[in-house]
Protein backbone atom coordinates (compact mmCIF):
# COMPACT_ATOMS: atom_id res chain seq x y z
CA MET A 1 -98.24 -45.84 -81.54
CA GLU A 2 -94.61 -45.81 -80.00
CA GLN A 3 -94.07 -48.23 -77.37
CA LYS A 4 -93.35 -46.11 -74.11
CA THR A 5 -92.19 -49.35 -72.30
CA ARG A 6 -90.29 -52.10 -73.08
CA ASN A 7 -89.13 -55.13 -71.24
CA PRO A 8 -85.55 -54.33 -69.36
CA TRP A 9 -84.05 -57.30 -70.57
CA SER A 10 -84.44 -56.27 -74.13
CA TRP A 11 -82.33 -53.05 -73.80
CA ILE A 12 -80.51 -52.53 -70.52
CA PRO A 13 -77.99 -55.17 -71.04
CA SER A 14 -77.03 -53.94 -74.52
CA LEU A 15 -76.98 -50.20 -73.37
CA TYR A 16 -74.47 -51.10 -70.39
CA PHE A 17 -72.36 -53.13 -72.93
CA ALA A 18 -72.44 -50.01 -75.15
CA GLU A 19 -71.56 -47.99 -72.06
CA GLY A 20 -68.19 -49.84 -71.07
CA LEU A 21 -67.15 -50.62 -74.66
CA PRO A 22 -65.72 -47.24 -75.75
CA TYR A 23 -63.96 -46.69 -72.39
CA VAL A 24 -62.16 -49.73 -72.56
CA ALA A 25 -61.17 -49.09 -76.20
CA VAL A 26 -59.95 -45.41 -75.14
CA MET A 27 -58.39 -46.00 -71.30
CA VAL A 28 -56.91 -49.84 -71.76
CA VAL A 29 -56.77 -51.12 -75.40
CA ALA A 30 -55.53 -47.76 -76.96
CA GLY A 31 -52.36 -48.07 -74.35
CA ILE A 32 -51.51 -51.49 -75.61
CA MET A 33 -52.03 -50.66 -79.07
CA TYR A 34 -49.38 -47.56 -78.71
CA LYS A 35 -47.05 -49.85 -76.97
CA ARG A 36 -47.02 -52.57 -79.59
CA LEU A 37 -46.43 -49.70 -82.28
CA GLY A 38 -43.42 -48.65 -80.44
CA LEU A 39 -44.45 -45.71 -78.53
CA ALA A 40 -42.52 -44.54 -75.30
CA ASN A 41 -43.63 -45.39 -72.00
CA ASP A 42 -43.82 -41.80 -70.74
CA THR A 43 -45.66 -40.60 -74.32
CA ILE A 44 -48.08 -43.60 -73.68
CA ALA A 45 -48.92 -42.64 -69.63
CA MET A 46 -48.96 -38.76 -70.76
CA TYR A 47 -51.60 -39.49 -73.91
CA THR A 48 -53.75 -42.18 -72.15
CA GLY A 49 -53.88 -39.86 -69.07
CA TRP A 50 -55.25 -36.70 -71.27
CA LEU A 51 -57.61 -39.16 -72.37
CA ASN A 52 -59.34 -38.91 -68.64
CA LEU A 53 -60.13 -35.38 -69.39
CA PRO A 54 -63.74 -35.96 -70.72
CA TRP A 55 -64.57 -37.81 -67.70
CA VAL A 56 -63.15 -35.09 -65.42
CA ILE A 57 -65.11 -32.06 -66.74
CA LYS A 58 -68.34 -34.32 -67.83
CA PRO A 59 -70.40 -32.41 -64.92
CA LEU A 60 -69.84 -29.23 -66.74
CA TRP A 61 -72.15 -29.94 -69.55
CA SER A 62 -74.38 -32.42 -67.78
CA PRO A 63 -77.17 -29.76 -67.53
CA PHE A 64 -77.10 -29.18 -71.39
CA VAL A 65 -77.59 -32.82 -71.69
CA GLU A 66 -80.73 -32.76 -69.15
CA ILE A 67 -82.16 -29.35 -71.11
CA PHE A 68 -81.88 -30.16 -74.76
CA LYS A 69 -83.75 -32.90 -76.67
CA THR A 70 -84.14 -36.43 -74.93
CA LYS A 71 -81.92 -38.69 -73.12
CA ARG A 72 -83.03 -41.00 -75.88
CA TRP A 73 -81.80 -38.67 -78.62
CA TRP A 74 -78.46 -38.19 -76.75
CA ILE A 75 -77.68 -41.99 -76.57
CA VAL A 76 -78.46 -42.25 -80.34
CA LEU A 77 -76.60 -39.47 -81.32
CA MET A 78 -73.35 -40.44 -79.38
CA GLN A 79 -73.17 -43.78 -80.48
CA LEU A 80 -73.51 -42.78 -83.88
CA ILE A 81 -70.35 -40.58 -83.14
CA LEU A 82 -68.62 -43.16 -81.31
CA GLY A 83 -68.85 -45.47 -84.32
CA VAL A 84 -67.55 -42.67 -86.40
CA GLY A 85 -64.70 -41.85 -84.07
CA LEU A 86 -63.49 -45.41 -83.62
CA ALA A 87 -63.60 -45.98 -87.39
CA GLY A 88 -61.62 -43.14 -87.59
CA VAL A 89 -58.85 -44.64 -85.44
CA ALA A 90 -58.72 -47.56 -87.79
CA PHE A 91 -58.13 -45.92 -90.85
CA SER A 92 -55.84 -43.56 -89.13
CA LEU A 93 -53.17 -46.12 -88.39
CA HIS A 94 -51.68 -45.82 -91.86
CA ALA A 95 -51.40 -42.21 -91.96
CA THR A 96 -48.25 -40.39 -91.97
CA HIS A 97 -48.93 -38.64 -88.81
CA TRP A 98 -50.88 -41.66 -87.21
CA VAL A 99 -49.87 -40.98 -83.64
CA GLN A 100 -51.44 -37.51 -83.49
CA MET A 101 -54.80 -38.55 -85.70
CA THR A 102 -55.49 -41.55 -83.80
CA PHE A 103 -54.76 -39.75 -80.37
CA ALA A 104 -57.53 -37.08 -81.91
CA PHE A 105 -59.97 -39.63 -82.88
CA LEU A 106 -59.58 -41.37 -79.48
CA PHE A 107 -60.07 -37.99 -77.43
CA LEU A 108 -63.27 -37.52 -79.72
CA VAL A 109 -64.39 -41.02 -78.36
CA ALA A 110 -63.73 -40.24 -75.08
CA PHE A 111 -65.57 -36.89 -75.14
CA SER A 112 -68.87 -39.03 -76.78
CA SER A 113 -68.58 -41.89 -74.32
CA ALA A 114 -68.44 -39.46 -71.38
CA THR A 115 -71.61 -37.38 -72.92
CA HIS A 116 -73.10 -41.19 -73.47
CA ASP A 117 -72.40 -42.35 -69.81
CA ILE A 118 -74.45 -38.94 -68.73
CA ALA A 119 -77.49 -39.79 -71.20
CA CYS A 120 -77.34 -43.62 -70.19
CA ASP A 121 -77.54 -43.09 -66.50
CA GLY A 122 -80.38 -40.34 -66.92
CA PHE A 123 -82.44 -42.73 -69.28
CA TYR A 124 -82.25 -45.49 -67.04
CA MET A 125 -83.69 -43.58 -63.99
CA LEU A 126 -86.57 -42.50 -66.19
CA ALA A 127 -87.42 -45.51 -68.03
CA LEU A 128 -87.57 -47.67 -64.96
CA PRO A 129 -89.65 -47.59 -61.86
CA ALA A 130 -87.51 -47.56 -58.54
CA HIS A 131 -87.69 -51.12 -57.68
CA ASN A 132 -86.53 -52.15 -61.13
CA GLN A 133 -83.76 -49.53 -60.87
CA ALA A 134 -82.29 -51.61 -57.88
CA ALA A 135 -83.20 -54.84 -59.13
CA PHE A 136 -81.21 -54.34 -62.48
CA MET A 137 -78.30 -52.52 -60.96
CA GLY A 138 -76.36 -55.68 -61.15
CA ILE A 139 -77.03 -56.41 -64.93
CA ARG A 140 -75.99 -53.06 -65.26
CA ASN A 141 -72.88 -54.04 -63.90
CA THR A 142 -72.39 -57.43 -65.28
CA SER A 143 -72.75 -56.00 -68.72
CA TYR A 144 -70.30 -53.39 -68.28
CA ARG A 145 -67.84 -56.06 -67.29
CA ILE A 146 -68.83 -58.36 -70.22
CA ALA A 147 -67.50 -55.19 -72.48
CA MET A 148 -64.39 -55.02 -70.71
CA ILE A 149 -63.86 -58.62 -71.15
CA THR A 150 -64.72 -58.36 -74.75
CA GLY A 151 -62.32 -54.99 -75.23
CA GLN A 152 -59.34 -55.87 -73.03
CA GLY A 153 -59.35 -59.65 -73.33
CA LEU A 154 -61.12 -61.03 -76.41
CA LEU A 155 -60.02 -58.34 -78.87
CA VAL A 156 -56.56 -58.02 -77.68
CA MET A 157 -55.79 -61.50 -78.03
CA LEU A 158 -57.34 -61.11 -81.47
CA ALA A 159 -54.56 -58.55 -81.99
CA GLY A 160 -51.98 -60.88 -80.89
CA TYR A 161 -53.07 -63.71 -82.89
CA ILE A 162 -53.21 -61.46 -86.07
CA GLU A 163 -49.67 -59.92 -84.94
CA GLN A 164 -48.43 -63.42 -85.31
CA THR A 165 -49.92 -64.57 -88.36
CA THR A 166 -49.58 -61.58 -90.56
CA GLN A 167 -46.61 -59.74 -88.96
CA ASN A 168 -47.96 -56.64 -89.69
CA LEU A 169 -48.91 -54.72 -86.45
CA LYS A 170 -50.94 -51.85 -87.79
CA VAL A 171 -53.02 -54.39 -89.78
CA ALA A 172 -53.68 -56.00 -86.37
CA TRP A 173 -54.74 -53.17 -84.84
CA MET A 174 -56.85 -51.83 -87.64
CA ILE A 175 -58.91 -54.85 -87.65
CA VAL A 176 -59.49 -54.81 -83.60
CA TYR A 177 -60.61 -51.01 -84.06
CA GLY A 178 -62.87 -51.68 -87.04
CA ILE A 179 -64.41 -54.54 -85.18
CA PHE A 180 -65.12 -51.89 -82.44
CA THR A 181 -66.89 -49.85 -85.03
CA ALA A 182 -68.93 -52.76 -86.35
CA LEU A 183 -70.18 -53.37 -82.85
CA PHE A 184 -71.18 -49.78 -82.31
CA ILE A 185 -73.08 -49.85 -85.81
CA LEU A 186 -74.87 -52.83 -84.42
CA LEU A 187 -75.41 -51.24 -81.32
CA LEU A 188 -76.78 -48.14 -82.84
CA ALA A 189 -79.34 -50.08 -85.04
CA LEU A 190 -80.58 -52.30 -82.06
CA HIS A 191 -81.18 -49.04 -79.73
CA LYS A 192 -82.65 -46.89 -82.28
CA PHE A 193 -85.37 -49.51 -82.59
CA SER A 194 -85.24 -51.34 -78.75
CA LEU A 195 -84.79 -48.12 -76.46
CA PRO A 196 -88.30 -47.36 -74.79
CA ARG A 197 -89.87 -43.68 -75.21
CA PRO A 198 -90.67 -43.04 -71.30
CA ASP A 199 -93.06 -40.21 -70.55
CA GLY A 200 -90.33 -38.52 -68.15
CA ASP A 201 -87.93 -38.31 -71.43
CA HIS A 202 -88.58 -34.93 -72.83
CA SER A 203 -86.58 -31.75 -73.45
CA LEU A 204 -86.49 -29.10 -71.03
CA GLU A 205 -85.84 -26.21 -73.46
CA THR A 206 -88.72 -24.16 -72.21
CA HIS A 207 -86.21 -23.28 -69.26
CA SER A 208 -84.25 -20.09 -70.30
CA VAL A 209 -80.22 -20.90 -70.33
CA SER A 210 -79.90 -18.22 -67.76
CA HIS A 211 -82.02 -20.01 -65.61
CA ILE A 212 -80.33 -23.25 -65.92
CA LEU A 213 -76.72 -21.84 -65.66
CA LYS A 214 -78.29 -20.08 -62.19
CA GLU A 215 -79.44 -23.43 -60.85
CA PHE A 216 -76.21 -25.30 -61.99
CA GLY A 217 -73.82 -22.54 -60.38
CA GLY A 218 -76.02 -23.16 -57.21
CA THR A 219 -75.00 -26.81 -57.33
CA PHE A 220 -71.40 -26.16 -57.31
CA VAL A 221 -71.55 -23.46 -54.46
CA SER A 222 -73.64 -26.05 -52.19
CA PHE A 223 -70.93 -28.55 -52.76
CA PHE A 224 -68.35 -26.62 -51.41
CA GLN A 225 -70.44 -25.59 -48.46
CA LYS A 226 -71.06 -29.18 -47.40
CA LYS A 227 -69.46 -30.15 -44.23
CA GLN A 228 -65.79 -31.81 -44.53
CA VAL A 229 -65.71 -31.09 -48.17
CA TRP A 230 -61.80 -30.24 -48.14
CA GLY A 231 -60.81 -33.66 -46.36
CA THR A 232 -63.15 -35.25 -49.00
CA LEU A 233 -61.44 -33.65 -51.84
CA LEU A 234 -58.38 -35.35 -50.64
CA PHE A 235 -59.77 -38.60 -49.80
CA ILE A 236 -61.06 -38.60 -53.46
CA LEU A 237 -57.80 -37.33 -54.91
CA PHE A 238 -55.32 -39.58 -52.96
CA TYR A 239 -57.51 -42.70 -52.53
CA ARG A 240 -56.21 -44.40 -55.59
CA PHE A 241 -53.10 -42.40 -55.84
CA GLY A 242 -50.72 -45.60 -56.45
CA GLU A 243 -53.40 -47.63 -58.38
CA ALA A 244 -53.66 -44.99 -60.76
CA GLN A 245 -50.14 -45.05 -61.55
CA ILE A 246 -50.31 -48.80 -61.75
CA THR A 247 -53.23 -48.87 -64.26
CA VAL A 248 -51.09 -47.89 -67.31
CA ILE A 249 -47.49 -49.07 -66.22
CA SER A 250 -48.63 -52.86 -65.30
CA LYS A 251 -49.47 -53.38 -68.58
CA LEU A 252 -46.23 -52.02 -70.13
CA LEU A 253 -44.41 -54.10 -67.79
CA MET A 254 -45.81 -57.09 -69.13
CA LEU A 255 -45.40 -56.05 -72.79
CA ASP A 256 -41.73 -54.76 -72.84
CA GLN A 257 -38.92 -57.16 -73.22
CA ARG A 258 -36.84 -58.78 -70.54
CA SER A 259 -33.96 -56.67 -71.70
CA ALA A 260 -36.03 -53.58 -71.21
CA GLY A 261 -36.80 -54.76 -67.67
CA GLY A 262 -40.12 -56.31 -68.36
CA LEU A 263 -41.94 -60.06 -68.66
CA GLY A 264 -41.79 -59.95 -72.48
CA LEU A 265 -45.45 -61.31 -72.53
CA SER A 266 -47.12 -61.67 -76.12
CA THR A 267 -49.99 -59.46 -76.76
CA GLU A 268 -52.56 -62.67 -76.50
CA GLU A 269 -51.07 -63.29 -73.09
CA VAL A 270 -51.73 -59.58 -72.08
CA GLY A 271 -55.10 -59.94 -73.33
CA PHE A 272 -55.65 -62.99 -71.48
CA LEU A 273 -54.45 -61.42 -67.96
CA TYR A 274 -56.60 -58.23 -68.26
CA GLY A 275 -59.26 -59.34 -70.41
CA VAL A 276 -60.16 -62.58 -68.21
CA VAL A 277 -58.21 -62.94 -65.15
CA SER A 278 -58.18 -59.02 -63.98
CA VAL A 279 -62.05 -58.91 -64.57
CA VAL A 280 -63.12 -62.12 -63.07
CA PHE A 281 -60.99 -61.05 -59.76
CA LEU A 282 -62.20 -57.52 -60.14
CA LEU A 283 -65.90 -58.32 -60.12
CA LEU A 284 -65.30 -60.88 -57.24
CA GLY A 285 -63.78 -58.66 -54.99
CA GLY A 286 -66.26 -55.79 -55.30
CA ILE A 287 -68.96 -58.21 -54.57
CA LEU A 288 -67.18 -59.47 -51.06
CA GLY A 289 -66.71 -55.70 -50.63
CA GLY A 290 -70.39 -54.79 -50.96
CA VAL A 291 -71.29 -57.80 -48.96
CA PHE A 292 -69.11 -57.17 -46.07
CA ILE A 293 -69.97 -53.24 -45.96
CA SER A 294 -73.81 -54.20 -45.88
CA ARG A 295 -72.82 -56.26 -42.74
CA ASN A 296 -70.81 -53.96 -40.80
CA GLY A 297 -71.36 -50.33 -42.42
CA LEU A 298 -68.57 -48.36 -44.26
CA LYS A 299 -66.85 -46.87 -41.03
CA TYR A 300 -65.92 -50.52 -40.15
CA TRP A 301 -64.46 -51.32 -43.42
CA LEU A 302 -62.81 -48.07 -44.75
CA TRP A 303 -59.21 -48.49 -42.89
CA PRO A 304 -58.99 -52.19 -44.21
CA MET A 305 -60.42 -51.70 -47.37
CA GLY A 306 -57.64 -48.96 -48.00
CA LEU A 307 -55.21 -51.45 -47.11
CA MET A 308 -56.60 -54.10 -49.55
CA ILE A 309 -56.33 -51.76 -52.33
CA ASN A 310 -52.53 -50.86 -51.84
CA VAL A 311 -51.21 -53.81 -50.46
CA PRO A 312 -51.63 -56.25 -53.40
CA HIS A 313 -49.55 -54.05 -54.96
CA LEU A 314 -46.54 -55.60 -53.55
CA THR A 315 -47.28 -58.59 -56.40
CA TYR A 316 -45.62 -56.05 -58.93
CA VAL A 317 -42.88 -55.30 -56.66
CA TYR A 318 -42.29 -59.04 -56.91
CA LEU A 319 -42.89 -59.20 -60.68
CA SER A 320 -40.39 -56.39 -61.30
CA GLN A 321 -37.86 -57.68 -59.03
CA PHE A 322 -37.83 -61.59 -59.99
CA TYR A 323 -39.04 -61.54 -63.65
CA PRO A 324 -41.13 -64.89 -63.58
CA THR A 325 -41.33 -66.99 -66.67
CA SER A 326 -44.54 -68.98 -65.67
CA LEU A 327 -47.87 -67.53 -66.89
CA TRP A 328 -49.58 -69.40 -63.80
CA ALA A 329 -47.40 -67.26 -61.74
CA VAL A 330 -48.00 -64.15 -63.48
CA SER A 331 -51.78 -64.33 -63.42
CA THR A 332 -51.74 -65.40 -59.78
CA CYS A 333 -50.14 -61.96 -59.03
CA VAL A 334 -52.66 -59.95 -61.63
CA ALA A 335 -55.70 -61.95 -59.58
CA ILE A 336 -54.41 -61.04 -56.21
CA GLU A 337 -53.91 -57.49 -57.22
CA GLN A 338 -57.18 -57.04 -58.97
CA PHE A 339 -58.92 -58.57 -56.04
CA GLY A 340 -57.68 -56.32 -53.69
CA TYR A 341 -58.58 -53.45 -56.13
CA GLY A 342 -62.13 -54.38 -56.42
CA PHE A 343 -62.56 -55.05 -53.12
CA GLY A 344 -61.12 -51.88 -51.83
CA PHE A 345 -62.76 -49.89 -54.31
CA VAL A 346 -66.03 -50.55 -52.97
CA ALA A 347 -65.53 -48.24 -49.80
CA PHE A 348 -64.56 -45.48 -52.11
CA MET A 349 -67.59 -45.54 -54.13
CA VAL A 350 -69.72 -46.01 -51.01
CA TYR A 351 -68.23 -43.13 -49.51
CA LEU A 352 -69.11 -41.02 -52.37
CA MET A 353 -72.75 -41.92 -52.27
CA TYR A 354 -72.49 -40.77 -48.45
CA PHE A 355 -71.10 -37.72 -49.03
CA SER A 356 -73.45 -36.75 -52.07
CA GLU A 357 -76.43 -37.57 -49.84
CA GLY A 358 -78.60 -34.38 -49.74
CA LYS A 359 -80.60 -31.86 -51.96
CA TYR A 360 -78.49 -32.11 -55.05
CA LYS A 361 -77.41 -35.76 -54.66
CA THR A 362 -77.46 -36.47 -58.39
CA ALA A 363 -75.45 -33.42 -59.16
CA HIS A 364 -72.88 -33.86 -56.21
CA TYR A 365 -72.36 -37.40 -56.76
CA ALA A 366 -71.58 -36.54 -60.64
CA ILE A 367 -68.90 -33.54 -59.10
CA CYS A 368 -67.52 -36.22 -57.08
CA THR A 369 -67.03 -38.56 -59.86
CA GLY A 370 -65.57 -35.80 -62.01
CA ILE A 371 -62.71 -35.27 -59.16
CA MET A 372 -62.69 -39.06 -59.19
CA ALA A 373 -61.37 -39.11 -62.75
CA LEU A 374 -59.18 -36.15 -62.19
CA GLY A 375 -57.55 -38.23 -59.24
CA MET A 376 -56.84 -40.79 -61.76
CA MET A 377 -55.63 -38.45 -64.53
CA LEU A 378 -52.89 -36.41 -63.10
CA PRO A 379 -50.90 -39.43 -61.51
CA THR A 380 -51.46 -41.42 -64.50
CA MET A 381 -50.09 -38.64 -66.94
CA VAL A 382 -46.41 -38.64 -64.78
CA ALA A 383 -46.40 -42.17 -63.99
CA GLY A 384 -44.61 -42.79 -67.10
CA LYS A 385 -41.89 -40.41 -66.54
CA VAL A 386 -41.22 -41.60 -62.85
CA GLN A 387 -41.03 -45.18 -64.29
CA LYS A 388 -38.53 -44.12 -67.04
CA TRP A 389 -36.71 -42.22 -64.34
CA LEU A 390 -36.75 -44.91 -61.75
CA GLY A 391 -36.97 -48.19 -63.71
CA TYR A 392 -39.56 -50.88 -63.14
CA PRO A 393 -38.39 -52.15 -59.91
CA HIS A 394 -37.82 -48.94 -58.08
CA PHE A 395 -41.27 -47.74 -59.54
CA PHE A 396 -43.27 -50.35 -58.04
CA LEU A 397 -41.32 -49.41 -54.60
CA TRP A 398 -42.47 -45.89 -54.98
CA VAL A 399 -46.10 -47.03 -55.74
CA MET A 400 -45.77 -48.78 -52.25
CA PHE A 401 -44.89 -45.86 -50.71
CA CYS A 402 -47.66 -43.80 -52.15
CA THR A 403 -49.84 -45.96 -49.73
CA VAL A 404 -49.18 -43.18 -47.37
CA PHE A 405 -51.24 -40.89 -49.37
CA THR A 406 -54.31 -43.16 -49.24
CA PHE A 407 -54.26 -43.19 -45.62
CA ILE A 408 -53.84 -39.09 -45.31
CA GLY A 409 -57.19 -38.98 -47.43
CA VAL A 410 -58.77 -41.63 -45.30
CA ALA A 411 -57.74 -40.25 -42.13
CA VAL A 412 -59.13 -37.03 -42.76
CA VAL A 413 -62.81 -38.42 -43.47
CA LYS A 414 -65.66 -39.00 -40.89
CA VAL A 415 -68.57 -41.37 -41.57
CA ASP A 416 -71.70 -42.04 -39.55
CA LYS A 417 -71.02 -45.58 -38.43
CA ASP A 418 -74.46 -47.21 -39.42
CA PHE A 419 -73.95 -45.93 -43.17
CA GLY A 420 -74.11 -48.69 -45.74
CA LYS A 421 -75.02 -51.28 -43.16
CA ARG A 422 -77.94 -53.17 -43.97
CA LYS A 423 -81.30 -52.53 -41.82
CA ILE A 424 -82.59 -55.79 -40.32
């Protein structure tokens, strides 16, 4: 008899580690790899921007993950495809048209990862009772952060070490993506046997496709009928307008040689900064942001958190103007900026939950996260060209000006004064 329930500790940490790993492989590690292999900043920003697309449009095929087969089936299948896609990146690096081929495989990984996210979140709600869903939320987030440390920290540092010892950049990155592949082979084997088979995880193929599409269309119509929907769209698209541009360009600033206006850091140093320092302070900021909102509510903290997600960008103005040579100075700047981002981002996510309240809460939240990904994708795609046109010093001044867009978004939304406040 197959087990319908298992100890959550036996599968939740590994499942959400598996959710975070391909995202960081696509959205962070790939950008560093392309920079080390000689691509121009505007090309890197454009490529990594396009790789956001599957997360933008994933609400469009989420009903089919709901209808066909089980969430468990989708998880296992996507992990198999993720392993194939990551292996494809590794083996494409020595091909003649390696840029186009690696991008194609990265897009496959991105699409599979977005589908994997849908299945994981649905499975989590089916396999756990409500009280356990809340209890294990912190474990989910921690496991995701460990994946970030592994991918953009340890593996990037390993790439830097191999670069130095072999003097062969493509070999270094082939090994890194080979390790990503090996990790997914292990995760696939583990989850094939460790994931439970809850009663609620079953196929809905008895419903007609036309019925499902009608229901799905209804969720979109109801979304755009909600109060202050247009203000919410401005808020979602603009709140991280500056941060979206910094996400890719900040790492290119670190890697570019000083003669090109960068800081000339090694791959290992960048791995330490964005895989260790960044993740620790991002997590710390997020924890404190959640505590503060639970005390005073979202309305009280919305403007201060909007400031906190933007003002620390001044650290990159400093780095691009004064070019410090001390790794400690650079680490301090990254820590301040990431703490501010983690702290300010909490208000953004809590507002999405606030706006999604109602009959179609899950579907409306999924639509919000798709628009959120679009709000990252579009600025990222143009950031490389803006940086190339302005240069690093003026680019980061432009990012500070973009704070105005954040506050346009904050100004047009209204929040109940008690939402998010802990009930005593």
